[in-house]
Amino acid sequence: MITMGLFGKKEKKIFKEFSKKSVEYLTDINKDTDELLEELQESYSENRFAIPEFMNLIESIKAKISFEESEKLEELSKKIVQIKKCAKKSVSAVAELSRNQRKTTREAIREFNEFVES
């Protein structure tokens, strides 16, 4: 690792400013990612009962509609279940991204501090 002893005061000041700005940017990214995750989790949580309600509705009207209409509803319900699975995977992916971003930020801050302080 290159130490700060190789650089003059001017370069050291530039490195410190760069480090400070980088930490600010990383912190902003963390905040944005956490806000997105929270919004996704809230939205998913609010709508998680829609699928069972929809399936109950389908069951209650199946006897009242034609076989063809019943088949169409069945296909639609399968597609909606797939959408739910996709939404759940998306929430999980953003949660993992958020964890990884926080970990990367902590590591970057630690490395910046080591570099600037040496």
Protein backbone atom coordinates (compact mmCIF):
# COMPACT_ATOMS: atom_id res chain seq x y z
CA MET A 1 0.00 0.00 0.00
CA ILE A 2 1.24 3.49 -0.82
CA THR A 3 1.58 5.62 2.25
CA MET A 4 0.75 9.26 2.60
CA GLY A 5 4.39 9.92 3.48
CA LEU A 6 5.16 9.84 -0.23
CA PHE A 7 2.94 12.82 -0.86
CA GLY A 8 3.07 16.46 0.11
CA LYS A 9 0.50 18.46 2.04
CA LYS A 10 -1.31 19.46 -1.14
CA GLU A 11 -1.74 15.87 -2.32
CA LYS A 12 -2.70 14.74 1.17
CA LYS A 13 -5.39 17.42 1.27
CA ILE A 14 -6.69 16.23 -2.13
CA PHE A 15 -6.79 12.62 -0.90
CA LYS A 16 -8.67 13.62 2.24
CA GLU A 17 -11.21 15.61 0.22
CA PHE A 18 -11.62 12.73 -2.23
CA SER A 19 -12.10 10.34 0.68
CA LYS A 20 -14.67 12.62 2.29
CA LYS A 21 -16.65 13.00 -0.96
CA SER A 22 -16.49 9.26 -1.64
CA VAL A 23 -17.87 8.49 1.80
CA GLU A 24 -20.68 11.01 1.24
CA TYR A 25 -21.57 9.40 -2.10
CA LEU A 26 -21.49 5.90 -0.63
CA THR A 27 -23.65 7.02 2.29
CA ASP A 28 -26.16 8.58 -0.12
CA ILE A 29 -26.29 5.37 -2.15
CA ASN A 30 -26.89 3.38 1.04
CA LYS A 31 -29.70 5.72 2.03
CA ASP A 32 -31.34 5.50 -1.40
CA THR A 33 -31.06 1.72 -1.45
CA ASP A 34 -32.51 1.41 2.05
CA GLU A 35 -35.42 3.71 1.13
CA LEU A 36 -36.14 1.67 -2.00
CA LEU A 37 -36.05 -1.54 0.01
CA GLU A 38 -38.41 -0.11 2.61
CA GLU A 39 -40.87 0.99 -0.09
CA LEU A 40 -40.76 -2.42 -1.77
CA GLN A 41 -41.23 -4.25 1.53
CA GLU A 42 -44.19 -2.05 2.50
CA SER A 43 -45.84 -2.44 -0.89
CA TYR A 44 -45.30 -6.19 -0.90
CA SER A 45 -46.60 -6.50 2.64
CA GLU A 46 -49.71 -4.44 1.89
CA ASN A 47 -50.57 -6.58 -1.14
CA ARG A 48 -49.55 -10.05 0.01
CA PHE A 49 -53.15 -11.09 0.66
CA ALA A 50 -54.37 -10.13 -2.82
CA ILE A 51 -53.51 -13.52 -4.34
CA PRO A 52 -55.44 -15.64 -1.81
CA GLU A 53 -58.39 -13.23 -2.09
CA PHE A 54 -58.27 -13.50 -5.88
CA MET A 55 -58.09 -17.31 -5.73
CA ASN A 56 -61.10 -17.38 -3.39
CA LEU A 57 -63.00 -15.14 -5.80
CA ILE A 58 -62.19 -17.44 -8.71
CA GLU A 59 -63.41 -20.47 -6.77
CA SER A 60 -66.65 -18.70 -5.85
CA ILE A 61 -67.50 -17.75 -9.45
CA LYS A 62 -66.29 -20.86 -11.30
CA ALA A 63 -69.68 -22.53 -11.08
CA LYS A 64 -71.37 -19.43 -12.49
CA ILE A 65 -69.30 -19.09 -15.66
CA SER A 66 -68.65 -21.22 -18.72
CA PHE A 67 -65.87 -23.78 -18.86
CA GLU A 68 -63.89 -21.59 -21.29
CA GLU A 69 -64.15 -18.59 -19.00
CA SER A 70 -63.15 -20.76 -16.07
CA GLU A 71 -60.06 -21.93 -17.97
CA LYS A 72 -59.14 -18.32 -18.80
CA LEU A 73 -59.45 -17.35 -15.14
CA GLU A 74 -57.31 -20.31 -14.17
CA GLU A 75 -54.58 -19.21 -16.61
CA LEU A 76 -54.80 -15.65 -15.34
CA SER A 77 -54.47 -16.82 -11.75
CA LYS A 78 -51.31 -18.78 -12.66
CA LYS A 79 -49.82 -15.65 -14.22
CA ILE A 80 -50.70 -13.58 -11.17
CA VAL A 81 -49.04 -16.14 -8.89
CA GLN A 82 -45.91 -15.85 -11.05
CA ILE A 83 -46.03 -12.06 -10.68
CA LYS A 84 -46.18 -12.51 -6.90
CA LYS A 85 -43.13 -14.79 -6.99
CA CYS A 86 -41.28 -12.23 -9.10
CA ALA A 87 -42.18 -9.45 -6.65
CA LYS A 88 -40.98 -11.53 -3.71
CA LYS A 89 -37.68 -12.27 -5.49
CA SER A 90 -37.30 -8.56 -6.27
CA VAL A 91 -37.71 -7.61 -2.62
CA SER A 92 -35.15 -10.25 -1.65
CA ALA A 93 -32.73 -9.09 -4.33
CA VAL A 94 -32.92 -5.46 -3.21
CA ALA A 95 -32.46 -6.56 0.41
CA GLU A 96 -29.31 -8.44 -0.58
CA LEU A 97 -28.11 -5.49 -2.64
CA SER A 98 -28.66 -3.21 0.35
CA ARG A 99 -26.68 -5.51 2.66
CA ASN A 100 -23.84 -5.79 0.15
CA GLN A 101 -23.77 -2.02 -0.39
CA ARG A 102 -23.54 -1.34 3.35
CA LYS A 103 -20.73 -3.89 3.66
CA THR A 104 -18.87 -2.36 0.71
CA THR A 105 -19.32 1.12 2.17
CA ARG A 106 -17.93 0.08 5.55
CA GLU A 107 -14.93 -1.53 3.84
CA ALA A 108 -14.32 1.51 1.62
CA ILE A 109 -14.51 3.89 4.58
CA ARG A 110 -12.07 1.73 6.53
CA GLU A 111 -9.65 1.66 3.58
CA PHE A 112 -9.98 5.41 2.98
CA ASN A 113 -9.26 6.08 6.65
CA GLU A 114 -6.23 3.78 6.65
CA PHE A 115 -4.90 5.42 3.51
CA VAL A 116 -5.41 8.99 4.66
CA GLU A 117 -4.07 8.36 8.17
CA SER A 118 -0.91 6.60 7.01
